[in-house]
Amino acid sequence: MSRHQTTANSLPTAAEILSRFYTAESIYMASAPSDRDFASGMGKHLAPNFTSYQSPDLPWGGERSGHEGFQKWSETMSSYWDRLEVRDPRILEREGADEALVYLTLYLRARGSGKEWVTPMVQVVKVEREREWILSIRAFYWDVRGLNEVSGLN
C-alpha cells in the first residue's frame, strides 16, 4: 500500500506526522547552509499550501505561506540558532482529528554566542492525515523578550 493509499483505520495520527517533522527540522537547523536539503527534509512533511504563524515580535516572525515561505522562515531562524530541538512534545488530539495542540519544550542554541535557551512553547497544528502533511503551525512562545535577548537582539 503506497503512502497515499491508506485506509481510514491506518491513517497516521497528527502525533506521528509531527514526530517525523520535528526530527527533520532539527537536522535542517543544525546543518550548514550548503548542506541543507529542504525538499527531502522538512519540505516533504509540509503541504504545498502550508502556513506558519510566528510572533510578529521576532525577526523570523509573521505569517509565511507555502514551501518557499517556510524555507525563508527556516533560513532566517537558523541564522540566529545553530540548534533547534523540540523536546518532550505532549500532543493533545482527539482520535481521528486533523488538529492537535502541542505543549513542548523548545531548546535553542544561539549561533553567535553559543548561549542556550530552553523554554516552554505551545503550537496549534493542523494536518492532512491522508497525505501525511502539516497544513499549518501557529506557535506561541512563552517569553518573546527573553528569546530576543538570547538571540542577540536586545
N, C-alpha and C. Protein backbone atom coordinates (compact mmCIF):
# COMPACT_ATOMS: atom_id res chain seq x y z
N MET A 1 0.86 -1.17 0.00
CA MET A 1 0.00 0.00 0.00
C MET A 1 0.90 1.23 0.00
N SER A 2 0.68 2.14 -0.93
CA SER A 2 1.52 3.33 -1.02
C SER A 2 1.13 4.34 0.07
N ARG A 3 1.96 5.34 0.20
CA ARG A 3 1.75 6.37 1.22
C ARG A 3 0.39 7.04 1.09
N HIS A 4 -0.11 7.21 -0.12
CA HIS A 4 -1.37 7.92 -0.34
C HIS A 4 -2.56 6.99 -0.48
N GLN A 5 -2.38 5.68 -0.29
CA GLN A 5 -3.47 4.73 -0.42
C GLN A 5 -3.76 4.06 0.92
N THR A 6 -3.93 4.85 1.93
CA THR A 6 -4.19 4.31 3.25
C THR A 6 -5.68 4.17 3.47
N THR A 7 -6.03 3.31 4.39
CA THR A 7 -7.43 3.17 4.78
C THR A 7 -7.68 4.07 5.98
N ALA A 8 -8.94 4.31 6.28
CA ALA A 8 -9.28 5.18 7.41
C ALA A 8 -8.65 4.69 8.70
N ASN A 9 -8.58 3.39 8.89
CA ASN A 9 -8.01 2.84 10.13
C ASN A 9 -6.50 2.92 10.18
N SER A 10 -5.85 3.05 9.03
CA SER A 10 -4.39 3.05 9.03
C SER A 10 -3.78 4.44 8.83
N LEU A 11 -4.61 5.49 8.85
CA LEU A 11 -4.07 6.84 8.69
C LEU A 11 -3.18 7.19 9.87
N PRO A 12 -2.09 7.89 9.60
CA PRO A 12 -1.22 8.30 10.72
C PRO A 12 -1.93 9.35 11.57
N THR A 13 -1.54 9.41 12.81
CA THR A 13 -2.08 10.43 13.71
C THR A 13 -1.30 11.72 13.51
N ALA A 14 -1.86 12.80 14.01
CA ALA A 14 -1.13 14.08 13.99
C ALA A 14 0.20 13.93 14.72
N ALA A 15 0.21 13.18 15.81
CA ALA A 15 1.44 12.97 16.59
C ALA A 15 2.52 12.29 15.75
N GLU A 16 2.15 11.31 14.96
CA GLU A 16 3.12 10.61 14.12
C GLU A 16 3.67 11.53 13.03
N ILE A 17 2.80 12.31 12.43
CA ILE A 17 3.23 13.25 11.39
C ILE A 17 4.17 14.29 11.99
N LEU A 18 3.82 14.83 13.15
CA LEU A 18 4.64 15.84 13.82
C LEU A 18 5.99 15.29 14.25
N SER A 19 6.02 14.08 14.73
CA SER A 19 7.27 13.47 15.17
C SER A 19 8.28 13.42 14.02
N ARG A 20 7.83 13.01 12.86
CA ARG A 20 8.71 12.95 11.69
C ARG A 20 9.19 14.35 11.30
N PHE A 21 8.27 15.32 11.35
CA PHE A 21 8.64 16.69 11.01
C PHE A 21 9.66 17.25 12.00
N TYR A 22 9.45 17.07 13.30
CA TYR A 22 10.37 17.62 14.30
C TYR A 22 11.78 17.05 14.11
N THR A 23 11.89 15.78 13.77
CA THR A 23 13.20 15.18 13.51
C THR A 23 13.87 15.85 12.32
N ALA A 24 13.12 16.03 11.23
CA ALA A 24 13.66 16.68 10.03
C ALA A 24 14.04 18.13 10.31
N GLU A 25 13.25 18.82 11.12
CA GLU A 25 13.52 20.22 11.46
C GLU A 25 14.83 20.35 12.22
N SER A 26 15.06 19.47 13.19
CA SER A 26 16.31 19.51 13.97
C SER A 26 17.52 19.29 13.09
N ILE A 27 17.43 18.36 12.15
CA ILE A 27 18.54 18.08 11.23
C ILE A 27 18.81 19.29 10.34
N TYR A 28 17.75 19.87 9.81
CA TYR A 28 17.89 21.03 8.93
C TYR A 28 18.55 22.20 9.65
N MET A 29 18.08 22.51 10.83
CA MET A 29 18.59 23.66 11.57
C MET A 29 20.06 23.48 11.96
N ALA A 30 20.48 22.26 12.24
CA ALA A 30 21.85 22.00 12.66
C ALA A 30 22.82 21.98 11.48
N SER A 31 22.33 21.82 10.27
CA SER A 31 23.18 21.71 9.10
C SER A 31 23.72 23.06 8.65
N ALA A 32 24.90 23.02 8.06
CA ALA A 32 25.46 24.22 7.43
C ALA A 32 24.56 24.58 6.25
N PRO A 33 24.43 25.88 5.93
CA PRO A 33 23.55 26.28 4.82
C PRO A 33 23.80 25.50 3.53
N SER A 34 25.04 25.19 3.22
CA SER A 34 25.35 24.46 1.99
C SER A 34 24.91 23.00 2.03
N ASP A 35 24.65 22.47 3.22
CA ASP A 35 24.26 21.07 3.37
C ASP A 35 22.76 20.87 3.57
N ARG A 36 21.99 21.94 3.62
CA ARG A 36 20.56 21.82 3.88
C ARG A 36 19.81 21.36 2.64
N ASP A 37 18.90 20.42 2.85
CA ASP A 37 18.06 19.93 1.76
C ASP A 37 16.61 20.06 2.21
N PHE A 38 16.01 21.18 1.90
CA PHE A 38 14.66 21.46 2.35
C PHE A 38 13.65 20.47 1.76
N ALA A 39 13.72 20.24 0.47
CA ALA A 39 12.71 19.43 -0.23
C ALA A 39 12.61 18.01 0.31
N SER A 40 13.73 17.36 0.54
CA SER A 40 13.65 15.97 1.02
C SER A 40 13.71 15.87 2.54
N GLY A 41 13.88 17.01 3.21
CA GLY A 41 13.88 17.04 4.67
C GLY A 41 12.55 17.55 5.18
N MET A 42 12.56 18.78 5.69
CA MET A 42 11.33 19.36 6.24
C MET A 42 10.22 19.48 5.21
N GLY A 43 10.58 19.86 3.99
CA GLY A 43 9.58 20.14 2.97
C GLY A 43 8.65 18.99 2.66
N LYS A 44 9.13 17.76 2.75
CA LYS A 44 8.28 16.62 2.40
C LYS A 44 7.17 16.38 3.44
N HIS A 45 7.26 17.05 4.58
CA HIS A 45 6.24 16.91 5.62
C HIS A 45 5.21 18.03 5.59
N LEU A 46 5.40 19.00 4.70
CA LEU A 46 4.54 20.18 4.65
C LEU A 46 3.70 20.19 3.39
N ALA A 47 2.43 20.54 3.53
CA ALA A 47 1.54 20.69 2.37
C ALA A 47 2.07 21.83 1.51
N PRO A 48 1.83 21.78 0.20
CA PRO A 48 2.27 22.89 -0.66
C PRO A 48 1.70 24.24 -0.22
N ASN A 49 0.51 24.23 0.37
CA ASN A 49 -0.13 25.47 0.83
C ASN A 49 0.05 25.67 2.34
N PHE A 50 1.07 25.06 2.92
CA PHE A 50 1.38 25.18 4.34
C PHE A 50 1.48 26.65 4.76
N THR A 51 1.01 26.95 5.98
CA THR A 51 1.14 28.30 6.53
C THR A 51 1.72 28.22 7.94
N SER A 52 2.71 29.06 8.20
CA SER A 52 3.34 29.18 9.51
C SER A 52 2.99 30.53 10.09
N TYR A 53 2.62 30.54 11.36
CA TYR A 53 2.30 31.78 12.08
C TYR A 53 3.25 31.89 13.26
N GLN A 54 4.06 32.96 13.27
CA GLN A 54 5.02 33.20 14.34
C GLN A 54 4.76 34.58 14.92
N SER A 55 5.18 34.81 16.15
CA SER A 55 5.02 36.12 16.78
C SER A 55 5.65 37.22 15.92
N PRO A 56 4.92 38.30 15.67
CA PRO A 56 5.50 39.40 14.89
C PRO A 56 6.61 40.14 15.64
N ASP A 57 6.82 39.82 16.91
CA ASP A 57 7.85 40.47 17.71
C ASP A 57 9.21 39.78 17.58
N LEU A 58 9.32 38.82 16.69
CA LEU A 58 10.57 38.10 16.46
C LEU A 58 11.07 38.39 15.05
N PRO A 59 12.40 38.37 14.84
CA PRO A 59 12.92 38.66 13.49
C PRO A 59 12.47 37.63 12.45
N TRP A 60 12.10 36.45 12.87
CA TRP A 60 11.59 35.42 11.96
C TRP A 60 10.07 35.33 12.05
N GLY A 61 9.46 36.34 12.66
CA GLY A 61 8.02 36.33 12.91
C GLY A 61 7.19 36.66 11.69
N GLY A 62 5.89 36.55 11.89
CA GLY A 62 4.92 36.84 10.84
C GLY A 62 4.30 35.59 10.27
N GLU A 63 3.56 35.79 9.21
CA GLU A 63 2.87 34.68 8.53
C GLU A 63 3.65 34.34 7.27
N ARG A 64 3.94 33.06 7.10
CA ARG A 64 4.66 32.58 5.91
C ARG A 64 3.82 31.48 5.26
N SER A 65 3.72 31.54 3.94
CA SER A 65 2.89 30.56 3.22
C SER A 65 3.72 29.79 2.21
N GLY A 66 3.31 28.54 2.02
CA GLY A 66 3.95 27.68 1.03
C GLY A 66 5.33 27.22 1.45
N HIS A 67 5.90 26.35 0.63
CA HIS A 67 7.24 25.84 0.91
C HIS A 67 8.27 26.96 0.88
N GLU A 68 8.13 27.86 -0.10
CA GLU A 68 9.10 28.96 -0.21
C GLU A 68 9.06 29.85 1.03
N GLY A 69 7.86 30.15 1.51
CA GLY A 69 7.74 30.98 2.70
C GLY A 69 8.32 30.31 3.93
N PHE A 70 8.07 29.01 4.07
CA PHE A 70 8.60 28.31 5.24
C PHE A 70 10.10 28.14 5.14
N GLN A 71 10.60 27.93 3.93
CA GLN A 71 12.05 27.81 3.77
C GLN A 71 12.72 29.14 4.11
N LYS A 72 12.11 30.25 3.73
CA LYS A 72 12.66 31.57 4.08
C LYS A 72 12.65 31.74 5.60
N TRP A 73 11.54 31.33 6.26
CA TRP A 73 11.49 31.39 7.72
C TRP A 73 12.61 30.57 8.33
N SER A 74 12.81 29.34 7.85
CA SER A 74 13.81 28.47 8.45
C SER A 74 15.23 29.00 8.23
N GLU A 75 15.48 29.63 7.08
CA GLU A 75 16.80 30.23 6.84
C GLU A 75 17.04 31.40 7.80
N THR A 76 16.02 32.22 8.01
CA THR A 76 16.16 33.34 8.94
C THR A 76 16.34 32.82 10.37
N MET A 77 15.50 31.88 10.77
CA MET A 77 15.59 31.31 12.11
C MET A 77 16.97 30.68 12.34
N SER A 78 17.45 29.92 11.37
CA SER A 78 18.73 29.24 11.56
C SER A 78 19.93 30.19 11.46
N SER A 79 19.72 31.41 11.00
CA SER A 79 20.82 32.39 11.04
C SER A 79 21.07 32.86 12.47
N TYR A 80 20.08 32.70 13.34
CA TYR A 80 20.20 33.05 14.76
C TYR A 80 20.57 31.85 15.63
N TRP A 81 20.12 30.67 15.24
CA TRP A 81 20.26 29.47 16.08
C TRP A 81 20.93 28.36 15.28
N ASP A 82 21.92 27.70 15.89
CA ASP A 82 22.53 26.57 15.20
C ASP A 82 22.00 25.24 15.72
N ARG A 83 21.12 25.34 16.68
CA ARG A 83 20.49 24.12 17.19
C ARG A 83 19.06 24.44 17.59
N LEU A 84 18.14 23.63 17.13
CA LEU A 84 16.74 23.76 17.47
C LEU A 84 16.23 22.35 17.70
N GLU A 85 15.73 22.11 18.89
CA GLU A 85 15.17 20.80 19.21
C GLU A 85 13.82 20.98 19.88
N VAL A 86 12.88 20.18 19.46
CA VAL A 86 11.60 20.07 20.15
C VAL A 86 11.76 18.90 21.11
N ARG A 87 11.67 19.20 22.38
CA ARG A 87 11.86 18.17 23.40
C ARG A 87 10.54 17.88 24.12
N ASP A 88 10.34 16.64 24.43
CA ASP A 88 9.19 16.19 25.22
C ASP A 88 7.86 16.73 24.73
N PRO A 89 7.59 16.62 23.42
CA PRO A 89 6.29 17.13 22.96
C PRO A 89 5.14 16.30 23.53
N ARG A 90 4.16 16.98 24.07
CA ARG A 90 2.94 16.34 24.55
C ARG A 90 1.85 16.79 23.59
N ILE A 91 1.41 15.86 22.78
CA ILE A 91 0.47 16.17 21.71
C ILE A 91 -0.92 15.75 22.13
N LEU A 92 -1.79 16.73 22.20
CA LEU A 92 -3.16 16.50 22.59
C LEU A 92 -4.02 16.51 21.33
N GLU A 93 -4.67 15.38 21.08
CA GLU A 93 -5.50 15.27 19.89
C GLU A 93 -6.66 14.31 20.16
N ARG A 94 -7.75 14.59 19.53
CA ARG A 94 -8.86 13.64 19.58
C ARG A 94 -8.61 12.56 18.54
N GLU A 95 -9.05 11.37 18.79
CA GLU A 95 -8.89 10.30 17.82
C GLU A 95 -9.51 10.70 16.48
N GLY A 96 -8.73 10.58 15.42
CA GLY A 96 -9.22 10.90 14.09
C GLY A 96 -9.22 12.37 13.74
N ALA A 97 -8.78 13.24 14.64
CA ALA A 97 -8.82 14.69 14.40
C ALA A 97 -7.68 15.12 13.48
N ASP A 98 -7.91 16.21 12.78
CA ASP A 98 -6.90 16.79 11.90
C ASP A 98 -6.25 18.02 12.51
N GLU A 99 -6.42 18.19 13.81
CA GLU A 99 -5.83 19.32 14.52
C GLU A 99 -5.33 18.82 15.86
N ALA A 100 -4.21 19.38 16.31
CA ALA A 100 -3.64 18.97 17.59
C ALA A 100 -3.07 20.19 18.31
N LEU A 101 -3.02 20.08 19.61
CA LEU A 101 -2.38 21.09 20.46
C LEU A 101 -1.11 20.43 21.00
N VAL A 102 0.01 21.11 20.84
CA VAL A 102 1.29 20.54 21.25
C VAL A 102 1.89 21.43 22.33
N TYR A 103 2.15 20.84 23.49
CA TYR A 103 2.88 21.52 24.55
C TYR A 103 4.26 20.90 24.54
N LEU A 104 5.30 21.73 24.37
CA LEU A 104 6.65 21.19 24.21
C LEU A 104 7.66 22.06 24.94
N THR A 105 8.86 21.55 25.02
CA THR A 105 9.99 22.32 25.50
C THR A 105 10.85 22.60 24.29
N LEU A 106 11.13 23.88 24.05
CA LEU A 106 11.94 24.28 22.91
C LEU A 106 13.36 24.53 23.39
N TYR A 107 14.30 23.86 22.76
CA TYR A 107 15.72 24.04 23.08
C TYR A 107 16.38 24.70 21.88
N LEU A 108 17.05 25.82 22.12
CA LEU A 108 17.77 26.55 21.09
C LEU A 108 19.18 26.88 21.57
N ARG A 109 20.11 26.97 20.62
CA ARG A 109 21.45 27.43 20.95
C ARG A 109 21.80 28.54 19.95
N ALA A 110 22.19 29.70 20.48
CA ALA A 110 22.50 30.87 19.65
C ALA A 110 23.73 30.60 18.80
N ARG A 111 23.61 30.88 17.52
CA ARG A 111 24.69 30.62 16.57
C ARG A 111 25.95 31.42 16.92
N GLY A 112 25.82 32.68 17.25
CA GLY A 112 26.98 33.51 17.51
C GLY A 112 27.61 33.30 18.87
N SER A 113 26.81 33.31 19.92
CA SER A 113 27.35 33.29 21.29
C SER A 113 27.42 31.90 21.91
N GLY A 114 26.69 30.95 21.36
CA GLY A 114 26.63 29.62 21.96
C GLY A 114 25.71 29.54 23.17
N LYS A 115 25.03 30.67 23.49
CA LYS A 115 24.09 30.66 24.62
C LYS A 115 22.93 29.72 24.32
N GLU A 116 22.50 29.04 25.36
CA GLU A 116 21.39 28.10 25.22
C GLU A 116 20.12 28.71 25.77
N TRP A 117 19.00 28.31 25.21
CA TRP A 117 17.69 28.81 25.61
C TRP A 117 16.75 27.62 25.66
N VAL A 118 16.15 27.42 26.80
CA VAL A 118 15.18 26.34 26.98
C VAL A 118 13.92 26.98 27.53
N THR A 119 12.80 26.76 26.85
CA THR A 119 11.56 27.44 27.24
C THR A 119 10.35 26.60 26.84
N PRO A 120 9.26 26.73 27.59
CA PRO A 120 8.03 26.06 27.15
C PRO A 120 7.45 26.78 25.95
N MET A 121 6.71 26.03 25.16
CA MET A 121 6.09 26.57 23.96
C MET A 121 4.83 25.75 23.66
N VAL A 122 3.88 26.40 23.01
CA VAL A 122 2.66 25.71 22.58
C VAL A 122 2.49 25.95 21.08
N GLN A 123 2.06 24.92 20.39
CA GLN A 123 1.75 25.04 18.96
C GLN A 123 0.36 24.48 18.71
N VAL A 124 -0.37 25.15 17.83
CA VAL A 124 -1.63 24.61 17.31
C VAL A 124 -1.30 24.17 15.89
N VAL A 125 -1.52 22.89 15.62
CA VAL A 125 -1.10 22.30 14.35
C VAL A 125 -2.29 21.67 13.65
N LYS A 126 -2.40 21.94 12.36
CA LYS A 126 -3.41 21.29 11.51
C LYS A 126 -2.68 20.38 10.54
N VAL A 127 -3.22 19.18 10.35
CA VAL A 127 -2.61 18.20 9.45
C VAL A 127 -3.62 17.68 8.44
N GLU A 128 -3.11 17.13 7.39
CA GLU A 128 -3.91 16.36 6.44
C GLU A 128 -3.41 14.93 6.55
N ARG A 129 -4.15 14.13 7.27
CA ARG A 129 -3.69 12.78 7.60
C ARG A 129 -3.56 11.89 6.37
N GLU A 130 -4.42 12.07 5.39
CA GLU A 130 -4.39 11.22 4.21
C GLU A 130 -3.08 11.37 3.43
N ARG A 131 -2.55 12.57 3.38
CA ARG A 131 -1.30 12.83 2.65
C ARG A 131 -0.10 12.93 3.57
N GLU A 132 -0.35 12.82 4.87
CA GLU A 132 0.70 12.88 5.90
C GLU A 132 1.43 14.22 5.85
N TRP A 133 0.66 15.29 5.68
CA TRP A 133 1.20 16.63 5.60
C TRP A 133 0.75 17.48 6.77
N ILE A 134 1.58 18.46 7.09
CA ILE A 134 1.19 19.50 8.03
C ILE A 134 0.65 20.66 7.20
N LEU A 135 -0.54 21.13 7.55
CA LEU A 135 -1.17 22.25 6.84
C LEU A 135 -0.79 23.59 7.45
N SER A 136 -0.68 23.64 8.77
CA SER A 136 -0.31 24.90 9.42
C SER A 136 0.22 24.65 10.83
N ILE A 137 1.06 25.58 11.25
CA ILE A 137 1.56 25.60 12.63
C ILE A 137 1.45 27.04 13.12
N ARG A 138 0.80 27.21 14.25
CA ARG A 138 0.71 28.51 14.92
C ARG A 138 1.46 28.37 16.24
N ALA A 139 2.59 29.10 16.36
CA ALA A 139 3.48 28.96 17.52
C ALA A 139 3.21 30.05 18.56
N PHE A 140 3.21 29.65 19.82
CA PHE A 140 3.05 30.57 20.94
C PHE A 140 4.26 30.41 21.86
N TYR A 141 5.15 31.40 21.83
CA TYR A 141 6.35 31.40 22.65
C TYR A 141 6.03 31.94 24.04
N TRP A 142 6.65 31.37 25.05
CA TRP A 142 6.40 31.78 26.42
C TRP A 142 7.02 33.13 26.73
N ASP A 143 8.26 33.38 26.28
CA ASP A 143 8.99 34.59 26.66
C ASP A 143 9.68 35.18 25.43
N VAL A 144 8.96 35.97 24.66
CA VAL A 144 9.50 36.55 23.43
C VAL A 144 10.65 37.51 23.73
N ARG A 145 10.51 38.33 24.74
CA ARG A 145 11.58 39.28 25.08
C ARG A 145 12.87 38.52 25.43
N GLY A 146 12.76 37.49 26.25
CA GLY A 146 13.93 36.69 26.60
C GLY A 146 14.55 36.00 25.40
N LEU A 147 13.72 35.52 24.52
CA LEU A 147 14.18 34.87 23.29
C LEU A 147 14.98 35.86 22.44
N ASN A 148 14.48 37.07 22.32
CA ASN A 148 15.20 38.11 21.56
C ASN A 148 16.53 38.45 22.23
N GLU A 149 16.57 38.49 23.56
CA GLU A 149 17.81 38.80 24.27
C GLU A 149 18.87 37.73 24.01
N VAL A 150 18.48 36.48 24.13
CA VAL A 150 19.44 35.39 23.92
C VAL A 150 19.94 35.35 22.48
N SER A 151 19.07 35.70 21.54
CA SER A 151 19.48 35.67 20.13
C SER A 151 20.32 36.89 19.75
N GLY A 152 20.53 37.83 20.70
CA GLY A 152 21.39 38.99 20.46
C GLY A 152 20.66 40.21 19.93
N LEU A 153 19.33 40.24 20.04
CA LEU A 153 18.58 41.36 19.50
C LEU A 153 18.29 42.45 20.52
N ASN A 154 18.38 42.17 21.79
CA ASN A 154 18.14 43.18 22.83
C ASN A 154 19.35 43.34 23.72
